[in-house]
PDB file of all heavy atoms in Angstrom:
ATOM      1  N   THR A   1      23.922   9.719  -2.525  1.00  0.00           N
ATOM      2  CA  THR A   1      22.989   9.429  -3.528  1.00  0.00           C
ATOM      3  C   THR A   1      22.059   8.239  -3.073  1.00  0.00           C
ATOM      4  O   THR A   1      22.166   7.922  -1.927  1.00  0.00           O
ATOM      5  CB  THR A   1      23.683   9.021  -4.849  1.00  0.00           C
ATOM      6  OG1 THR A   1      22.769   8.967  -5.905  1.00  0.00           O
ATOM      7  CG2 THR A   1      24.341   7.651  -4.763  1.00  0.00           C
ATOM      8  N   ILE A   2      21.095   7.817  -3.901  1.00  0.00           N
ATOM      9  CA  ILE A   2      20.251   6.789  -3.541  1.00  0.00           C
ATOM     10  C   ILE A   2      20.866   5.462  -3.588  1.00  0.00           C
ATOM     11  O   ILE A   2      21.370   5.050  -4.644  1.00  0.00           O
ATOM     12  CB  ILE A   2      18.986   6.834  -4.417  1.00  0.00           C
ATOM     13  CG1 ILE A   2      18.191   8.116  -4.232  1.00  0.00           C
ATOM     14  CG2 ILE A   2      18.087   5.591  -4.084  1.00  0.00           C
ATOM     15  CD1 ILE A   2      17.003   8.264  -5.074  1.00  0.00           C
ATOM     16  N   THR A   3      20.993   4.740  -2.500  1.00  0.00           N
ATOM     17  CA  THR A   3      21.695   3.431  -2.474  1.00  0.00           C
ATOM     18  C   THR A   3      20.766   2.264  -2.597  1.00  0.00           C
ATOM     19  O   THR A   3      21.184   1.181  -2.995  1.00  0.00           O
ATOM     20  CB  THR A   3      22.598   3.311  -1.168  1.00  0.00           C
ATOM     21  OG1 THR A   3      21.689   3.543  -0.062  1.00  0.00           O
ATOM     22  CG2 THR A   3      23.649   4.353  -1.156  1.00  0.00           C
ATOM     23  N   PHE A   4      19.533   2.419  -2.165  1.00  0.00           N
ATOM     24  CA  PHE A   4      18.502   1.382  -2.551  1.00  0.00           C
ATOM     25  C   PHE A   4      17.174   2.038  -2.416  1.00  0.00           C
ATOM     26  O   PHE A   4      16.928   3.096  -1.860  1.00  0.00           O
ATOM     27  CB  PHE A   4      18.590   0.206  -1.658  1.00  0.00           C
ATOM     28  CG  PHE A   4      18.113   0.354  -0.245  1.00  0.00           C
ATOM     29  CD1 PHE A   4      16.703   0.333   0.036  1.00  0.00           C
ATOM     30  CD2 PHE A   4      19.017   0.415   0.813  1.00  0.00           C
ATOM     31  CE1 PHE A   4      16.322   0.384   1.369  1.00  0.00           C
ATOM     32  CE2 PHE A   4      18.587   0.548   2.134  1.00  0.00           C
ATOM     33  CZ  PHE A   4      17.212   0.548   2.388  1.00  0.00           C
ATOM     34  N   ASP A   5      16.225   1.440  -3.122  1.00  0.00           N
ATOM     35  CA  ASP A   5      14.815   1.964  -3.377  1.00  0.00           C
ATOM     36  C   ASP A   5      13.933   0.684  -3.367  1.00  0.00           C
ATOM     37  O   ASP A   5      13.934  -0.071  -4.241  1.00  0.00           O
ATOM     38  CB  ASP A   5      14.798   2.697  -4.646  1.00  0.00           C
ATOM     39  CG  ASP A   5      13.426   3.357  -4.915  1.00  0.00           C
ATOM     40  OD1 ASP A   5      12.426   2.984  -4.163  1.00  0.00           O
ATOM     41  OD2 ASP A   5      13.348   4.173  -5.827  1.00  0.00           O
ATOM     42  N   ILE A   6      13.151   0.469  -2.298  1.00  0.00           N
ATOM     43  CA  ILE A   6      12.390  -0.692  -2.090  1.00  0.00           C
ATOM     44  C   ILE A   6      10.886  -0.406  -2.016  1.00  0.00           C
ATOM     45  O   ILE A   6      10.520   0.368  -1.125  1.00  0.00           O
ATOM     46  CB  ILE A   6      12.795  -1.469  -0.786  1.00  0.00           C
ATOM     47  CG1 ILE A   6      14.254  -1.794  -0.765  1.00  0.00           C
ATOM     48  CG2 ILE A   6      11.933  -2.758  -0.587  1.00  0.00           C
ATOM     49  CD1 ILE A   6      14.723  -2.413   0.533  1.00  0.00           C
ATOM     50  N   PRO A   7      10.071  -0.905  -2.935  1.00  0.00           N
ATOM     51  CA  PRO A   7       8.635  -0.793  -2.770  1.00  0.00           C
ATOM     52  C   PRO A   7       8.119  -1.707  -1.703  1.00  0.00           C
ATOM     53  O   PRO A   7       8.597  -2.789  -1.545  1.00  0.00           O
ATOM     54  CB  PRO A   7       8.113  -1.191  -4.143  1.00  0.00           C
ATOM     55  CG  PRO A   7       9.142  -2.143  -4.705  1.00  0.00           C
ATOM     56  CD  PRO A   7      10.450  -1.677  -4.202  1.00  0.00           C
ATOM     57  N   ILE A   8       7.104  -1.251  -0.987  1.00  0.00           N
ATOM     58  CA  ILE A   8       6.453  -2.015   0.117  1.00  0.00           C
ATOM     59  C   ILE A   8       5.019  -2.289  -0.235  1.00  0.00           C
ATOM     60  O   ILE A   8       4.229  -1.419  -0.563  1.00  0.00           O
ATOM     61  CB  ILE A   8       6.547  -1.346   1.444  1.00  0.00           C
ATOM     62  CG1 ILE A   8       7.970  -0.933   1.828  1.00  0.00           C
ATOM     63  CG2 ILE A   8       5.915  -2.098   2.574  1.00  0.00           C
ATOM     64  CD1 ILE A   8       8.868  -2.147   2.017  1.00  0.00           C
ATOM     65  N   ASP A   9       4.633  -3.618  -0.178  1.00  0.00           N
ATOM     66  CA  ASP A   9       3.287  -3.973  -0.478  1.00  0.00           C
ATOM     67  C   ASP A   9       2.316  -3.711   0.744  1.00  0.00           C
ATOM     68  O   ASP A   9       2.466  -4.504   1.687  1.00  0.00           O
ATOM     69  CB  ASP A   9       3.205  -5.394  -0.970  1.00  0.00           C
ATOM     70  CG  ASP A   9       1.815  -5.831  -1.357  1.00  0.00           C
ATOM     71  OD1 ASP A   9       0.909  -5.017  -1.246  1.00  0.00           O
ATOM     72  OD2 ASP A   9       1.702  -6.918  -1.952  1.00  0.00           O
ATOM     73  N   ARG A  10       1.538  -2.744   0.694  1.00  0.00           N
ATOM     74  CA  ARG A  10       0.737  -2.410   1.914  1.00  0.00           C
ATOM     75  C   ARG A  10      -0.428  -3.359   2.051  1.00  0.00           C
ATOM     76  O   ARG A  10      -1.187  -3.293   3.074  1.00  0.00           O
ATOM     77  CB  ARG A  10       0.240  -0.903   1.742  1.00  0.00           C
ATOM     78  CG  ARG A  10       1.245   0.082   1.988  1.00  0.00           C
ATOM     79  CD  ARG A  10       1.368   0.573   3.403  1.00  0.00           C
ATOM     80  NE  ARG A  10       1.911  -0.381   4.335  1.00  0.00           N
ATOM     81  CZ  ARG A  10       3.201  -0.522   4.637  1.00  0.00           C
ATOM     82  NH1 ARG A  10       4.069   0.251   4.102  1.00  0.00           N
ATOM     83  NH2 ARG A  10       3.590  -1.418   5.504  1.00  0.00           N
ATOM     84  N   SER A  11      -0.710  -4.183   1.024  1.00  0.00           N
ATOM     85  CA  SER A  11      -1.815  -5.067   1.120  1.00  0.00           C
ATOM     86  C   SER A  11      -1.507  -6.274   2.023  1.00  0.00           C
ATOM     87  O   SER A  11      -2.374  -7.039   2.420  1.00  0.00           O
ATOM     88  CB  SER A  11      -2.241  -5.535  -0.265  1.00  0.00           C
ATOM     89  OG  SER A  11      -1.173  -6.343  -0.850  1.00  0.00           O
ATOM     90  N   ARG A  12      -0.236  -6.430   2.299  1.00  0.00           N
ATOM     91  CA  ARG A  12       0.223  -7.600   3.139  1.00  0.00           C
ATOM     92  C   ARG A  12       0.330  -7.092   4.649  1.00  0.00           C
ATOM     93  O   ARG A  12       0.459  -5.882   4.882  1.00  0.00           O
ATOM     94  CB  ARG A  12       1.511  -8.164   2.631  1.00  0.00           C
ATOM     95  CG  ARG A  12       1.366  -8.761   1.275  1.00  0.00           C
ATOM     96  CD  ARG A  12       2.722  -9.348   0.807  1.00  0.00           C
ATOM     97  NE  ARG A  12       2.605  -9.946  -0.468  1.00  0.00           N
ATOM     98  CZ  ARG A  12       3.640 -10.600  -1.081  1.00  0.00           C
ATOM     99  NH1 ARG A  12       4.796 -10.684  -0.509  1.00  0.00           N
ATOM    100  NH2 ARG A  12       3.445 -11.129  -2.307  1.00  0.00           N
ATOM    101  N   PRO A  13       0.410  -8.006   5.600  1.00  0.00           N
ATOM    102  CA  PRO A  13       0.629  -7.570   6.963  1.00  0.00           C
ATOM    103  C   PRO A  13       1.935  -6.728   7.092  1.00  0.00           C
ATOM    104  O   PRO A  13       2.913  -6.952   6.312  1.00  0.00           O
ATOM    105  CB  PRO A  13       0.823  -8.890   7.736  1.00  0.00           C
ATOM    106  CG  PRO A  13       0.042  -9.903   6.860  1.00  0.00           C
ATOM    107  CD  PRO A  13       0.243  -9.427   5.503  1.00  0.00           C
ATOM    108  N   ARG A  14       1.921  -5.776   8.065  1.00  0.00           N
ATOM    109  CA  ARG A  14       3.050  -4.811   8.126  1.00  0.00           C
ATOM    110  C   ARG A  14       4.258  -5.348   8.958  1.00  0.00           C
ATOM    111  O   ARG A  14       4.964  -4.573   9.598  1.00  0.00           O
ATOM    112  CB  ARG A  14       2.570  -3.507   8.707  1.00  0.00           C
ATOM    113  CG  ARG A  14       1.603  -2.757   7.789  1.00  0.00           C
ATOM    114  CD  ARG A  14       1.465  -1.365   8.181  1.00  0.00           C
ATOM    115  NE  ARG A  14       0.476  -0.761   7.389  1.00  0.00           N
ATOM    116  CZ  ARG A  14      -0.797  -0.560   7.861  1.00  0.00           C
ATOM    117  NH1 ARG A  14      -1.212  -1.049   9.047  1.00  0.00           N
ATOM    118  NH2 ARG A  14      -1.723   0.072   7.092  1.00  0.00           N
ATOM    119  N   ARG A  15       4.393  -6.656   9.006  1.00  0.00           N
ATOM    120  CA  ARG A  15       5.634  -7.258   9.690  1.00  0.00           C
ATOM    121  C   ARG A  15       6.806  -6.891   8.820  1.00  0.00           C
ATOM    122  O   ARG A  15       6.877  -7.098   7.633  1.00  0.00           O
ATOM    123  CB  ARG A  15       5.460  -8.697   9.864  1.00  0.00           C
ATOM    124  CG  ARG A  15       6.645  -9.284  10.617  1.00  0.00           C
ATOM    125  CD  ARG A  15       6.433 -10.809  10.730  1.00  0.00           C
ATOM    126  NE  ARG A  15       6.419 -11.500   9.419  1.00  0.00           N
ATOM    127  CZ  ARG A  15       7.465 -11.815   8.729  1.00  0.00           C
ATOM    128  NH1 ARG A  15       8.697 -11.605   9.228  1.00  0.00           N
ATOM    129  NH2 ARG A  15       7.347 -12.456   7.585  1.00  0.00           N
ATOM    130  N   VAL A  16       7.853  -6.293   9.461  1.00  0.00           N
ATOM    131  CA  VAL A  16       9.052  -5.906   8.688  1.00  0.00           C
ATOM    132  C   VAL A  16       9.844  -7.119   8.248  1.00  0.00           C
ATOM    133  O   VAL A  16      10.222  -7.966   9.070  1.00  0.00           O
ATOM    134  CB  VAL A  16      10.007  -5.034   9.537  1.00  0.00           C
ATOM    135  CG1 VAL A  16      11.250  -4.619   8.726  1.00  0.00           C
ATOM    136  CG2 VAL A  16       9.243  -3.803  10.002  1.00  0.00           C
ATOM    137  N   PRO A  17      10.066  -7.321   6.878  1.00  0.00           N
ATOM    138  CA  PRO A  17      10.831  -8.483   6.461  1.00  0.00           C
ATOM    139  C   PRO A  17      12.298  -8.408   6.987  1.00  0.00           C
ATOM    140  O   PRO A  17      12.912  -7.387   6.873  1.00  0.00           O
ATOM    141  CB  PRO A  17      10.770  -8.389   4.893  1.00  0.00           C
ATOM    142  CG  PRO A  17       9.695  -7.434   4.656  1.00  0.00           C
ATOM    143  CD  PRO A  17       9.531  -6.497   5.801  1.00  0.00           C
ATOM    144  N   THR A  18      12.729  -9.421   7.619  1.00  0.00           N
ATOM    145  CA  THR A  18      14.089  -9.449   8.232  1.00  0.00           C
ATOM    146  C   THR A  18      15.161  -9.125   7.271  1.00  0.00           C
ATOM    147  O   THR A  18      16.128  -8.337   7.489  1.00  0.00           O
ATOM    148  CB  THR A  18      14.358 -10.760   8.964  1.00  0.00           C
ATOM    149  OG1 THR A  18      13.340 -10.977   9.905  1.00  0.00           O
ATOM    150  CG2 THR A  18      15.714 -10.686   9.653  1.00  0.00           C
ATOM    151  N   ALA A  19      15.048  -9.759   6.102  1.00  0.00           N
ATOM    152  CA  ALA A  19      16.137  -9.478   5.051  1.00  0.00           C
ATOM    153  C   ALA A  19      16.156  -8.073   4.580  1.00  0.00           C
ATOM    154  O   ALA A  19      17.205  -7.508   4.432  1.00  0.00           O
ATOM    155  CB  ALA A  19      15.825 -10.441   3.874  1.00  0.00           C
ATOM    156  N   LEU A  20      15.040  -7.486   4.433  1.00  0.00           N
ATOM    157  CA  LEU A  20      14.969  -6.118   4.036  1.00  0.00           C
ATOM    158  C   LEU A  20      15.476  -5.177   5.110  1.00  0.00           C
ATOM    159  O   LEU A  20      16.177  -4.198   4.913  1.00  0.00           O
ATOM    160  CB  LEU A  20      13.537  -5.686   3.594  1.00  0.00           C
ATOM    161  CG  LEU A  20      12.992  -6.308   2.356  1.00  0.00           C
ATOM    162  CD1 LEU A  20      11.587  -5.706   2.060  1.00  0.00           C
ATOM    163  CD2 LEU A  20      13.944  -6.034   1.131  1.00  0.00           C
ATOM    164  N   LEU A  21      15.119  -5.487   6.339  1.00  0.00           N
ATOM    165  CA  LEU A  21      15.556  -4.661   7.474  1.00  0.00           C
ATOM    166  C   LEU A  21      17.068  -4.741   7.655  1.00  0.00           C
ATOM    167  O   LEU A  21      17.758  -3.732   7.845  1.00  0.00           O
ATOM    168  CB  LEU A  21      14.871  -5.126   8.735  1.00  0.00           C
ATOM    169  CG  LEU A  21      15.139  -4.237   9.993  1.00  0.00           C
ATOM    170  CD1 LEU A  21      14.695  -2.834   9.781  1.00  0.00           C
ATOM    171  CD2 LEU A  21      14.397  -4.856  11.154  1.00  0.00           C
ATOM    172  N   ASP A  22      17.605  -5.953   7.482  1.00  0.00           N
ATOM    173  CA  ASP A  22      19.129  -6.076   7.524  1.00  0.00           C
ATOM    174  C   ASP A  22      19.749  -5.295   6.444  1.00  0.00           C
ATOM    175  O   ASP A  22      20.778  -4.643   6.663  1.00  0.00           O
ATOM    176  CB  ASP A  22      19.558  -7.544   7.430  1.00  0.00           C
ATOM    177  CG  ASP A  22      19.170  -8.356   8.729  1.00  0.00           C
ATOM    178  OD1 ASP A  22      18.843  -7.715   9.736  1.00  0.00           O
ATOM    179  OD2 ASP A  22      19.090  -9.579   8.622  1.00  0.00           O
ATOM    180  N   ARG A  23      19.188  -5.328   5.224  1.00  0.00           N
ATOM    181  CA  ARG A  23      19.783  -4.576   4.155  1.00  0.00           C
ATOM    182  C   ARG A  23      19.763  -3.142   4.363  1.00  0.00           C
ATOM    183  O   ARG A  23      20.664  -2.340   4.077  1.00  0.00           O
ATOM    184  CB  ARG A  23      18.888  -4.955   2.820  1.00  0.00           C
ATOM    185  CG  ARG A  23      19.447  -4.268   1.535  1.00  0.00           C
ATOM    186  CD  ARG A  23      18.560  -4.729   0.438  1.00  0.00           C
ATOM    187  NE  ARG A  23      18.852  -4.028  -0.835  1.00  0.00           N
ATOM    188  CZ  ARG A  23      18.128  -4.006  -1.881  1.00  0.00           C
ATOM    189  NH1 ARG A  23      16.995  -4.684  -1.851  1.00  0.00           N
ATOM    190  NH2 ARG A  23      18.451  -3.341  -2.935  1.00  0.00           N
ATOM    191  N   ALA A  24      18.605  -2.603   4.920  1.00  0.00           N
ATOM    192  CA  ALA A  24      18.466  -1.201   5.307  1.00  0.00           C
ATOM    193  C   ALA A  24      19.467  -0.768   6.341  1.00  0.00           C
ATOM    194  O   ALA A  24      20.124   0.278   6.229  1.00  0.00           O
ATOM    195  CB  ALA A  24      17.079  -0.876   5.749  1.00  0.00           C
TER     196      ALA A  24
END
């Protein structure tokens, strides 16, 4: 099933947030 669902703000630089990447 869906274990997480994260919106991404495209108006900001596309550097991957470390905390979100670790969570993924």
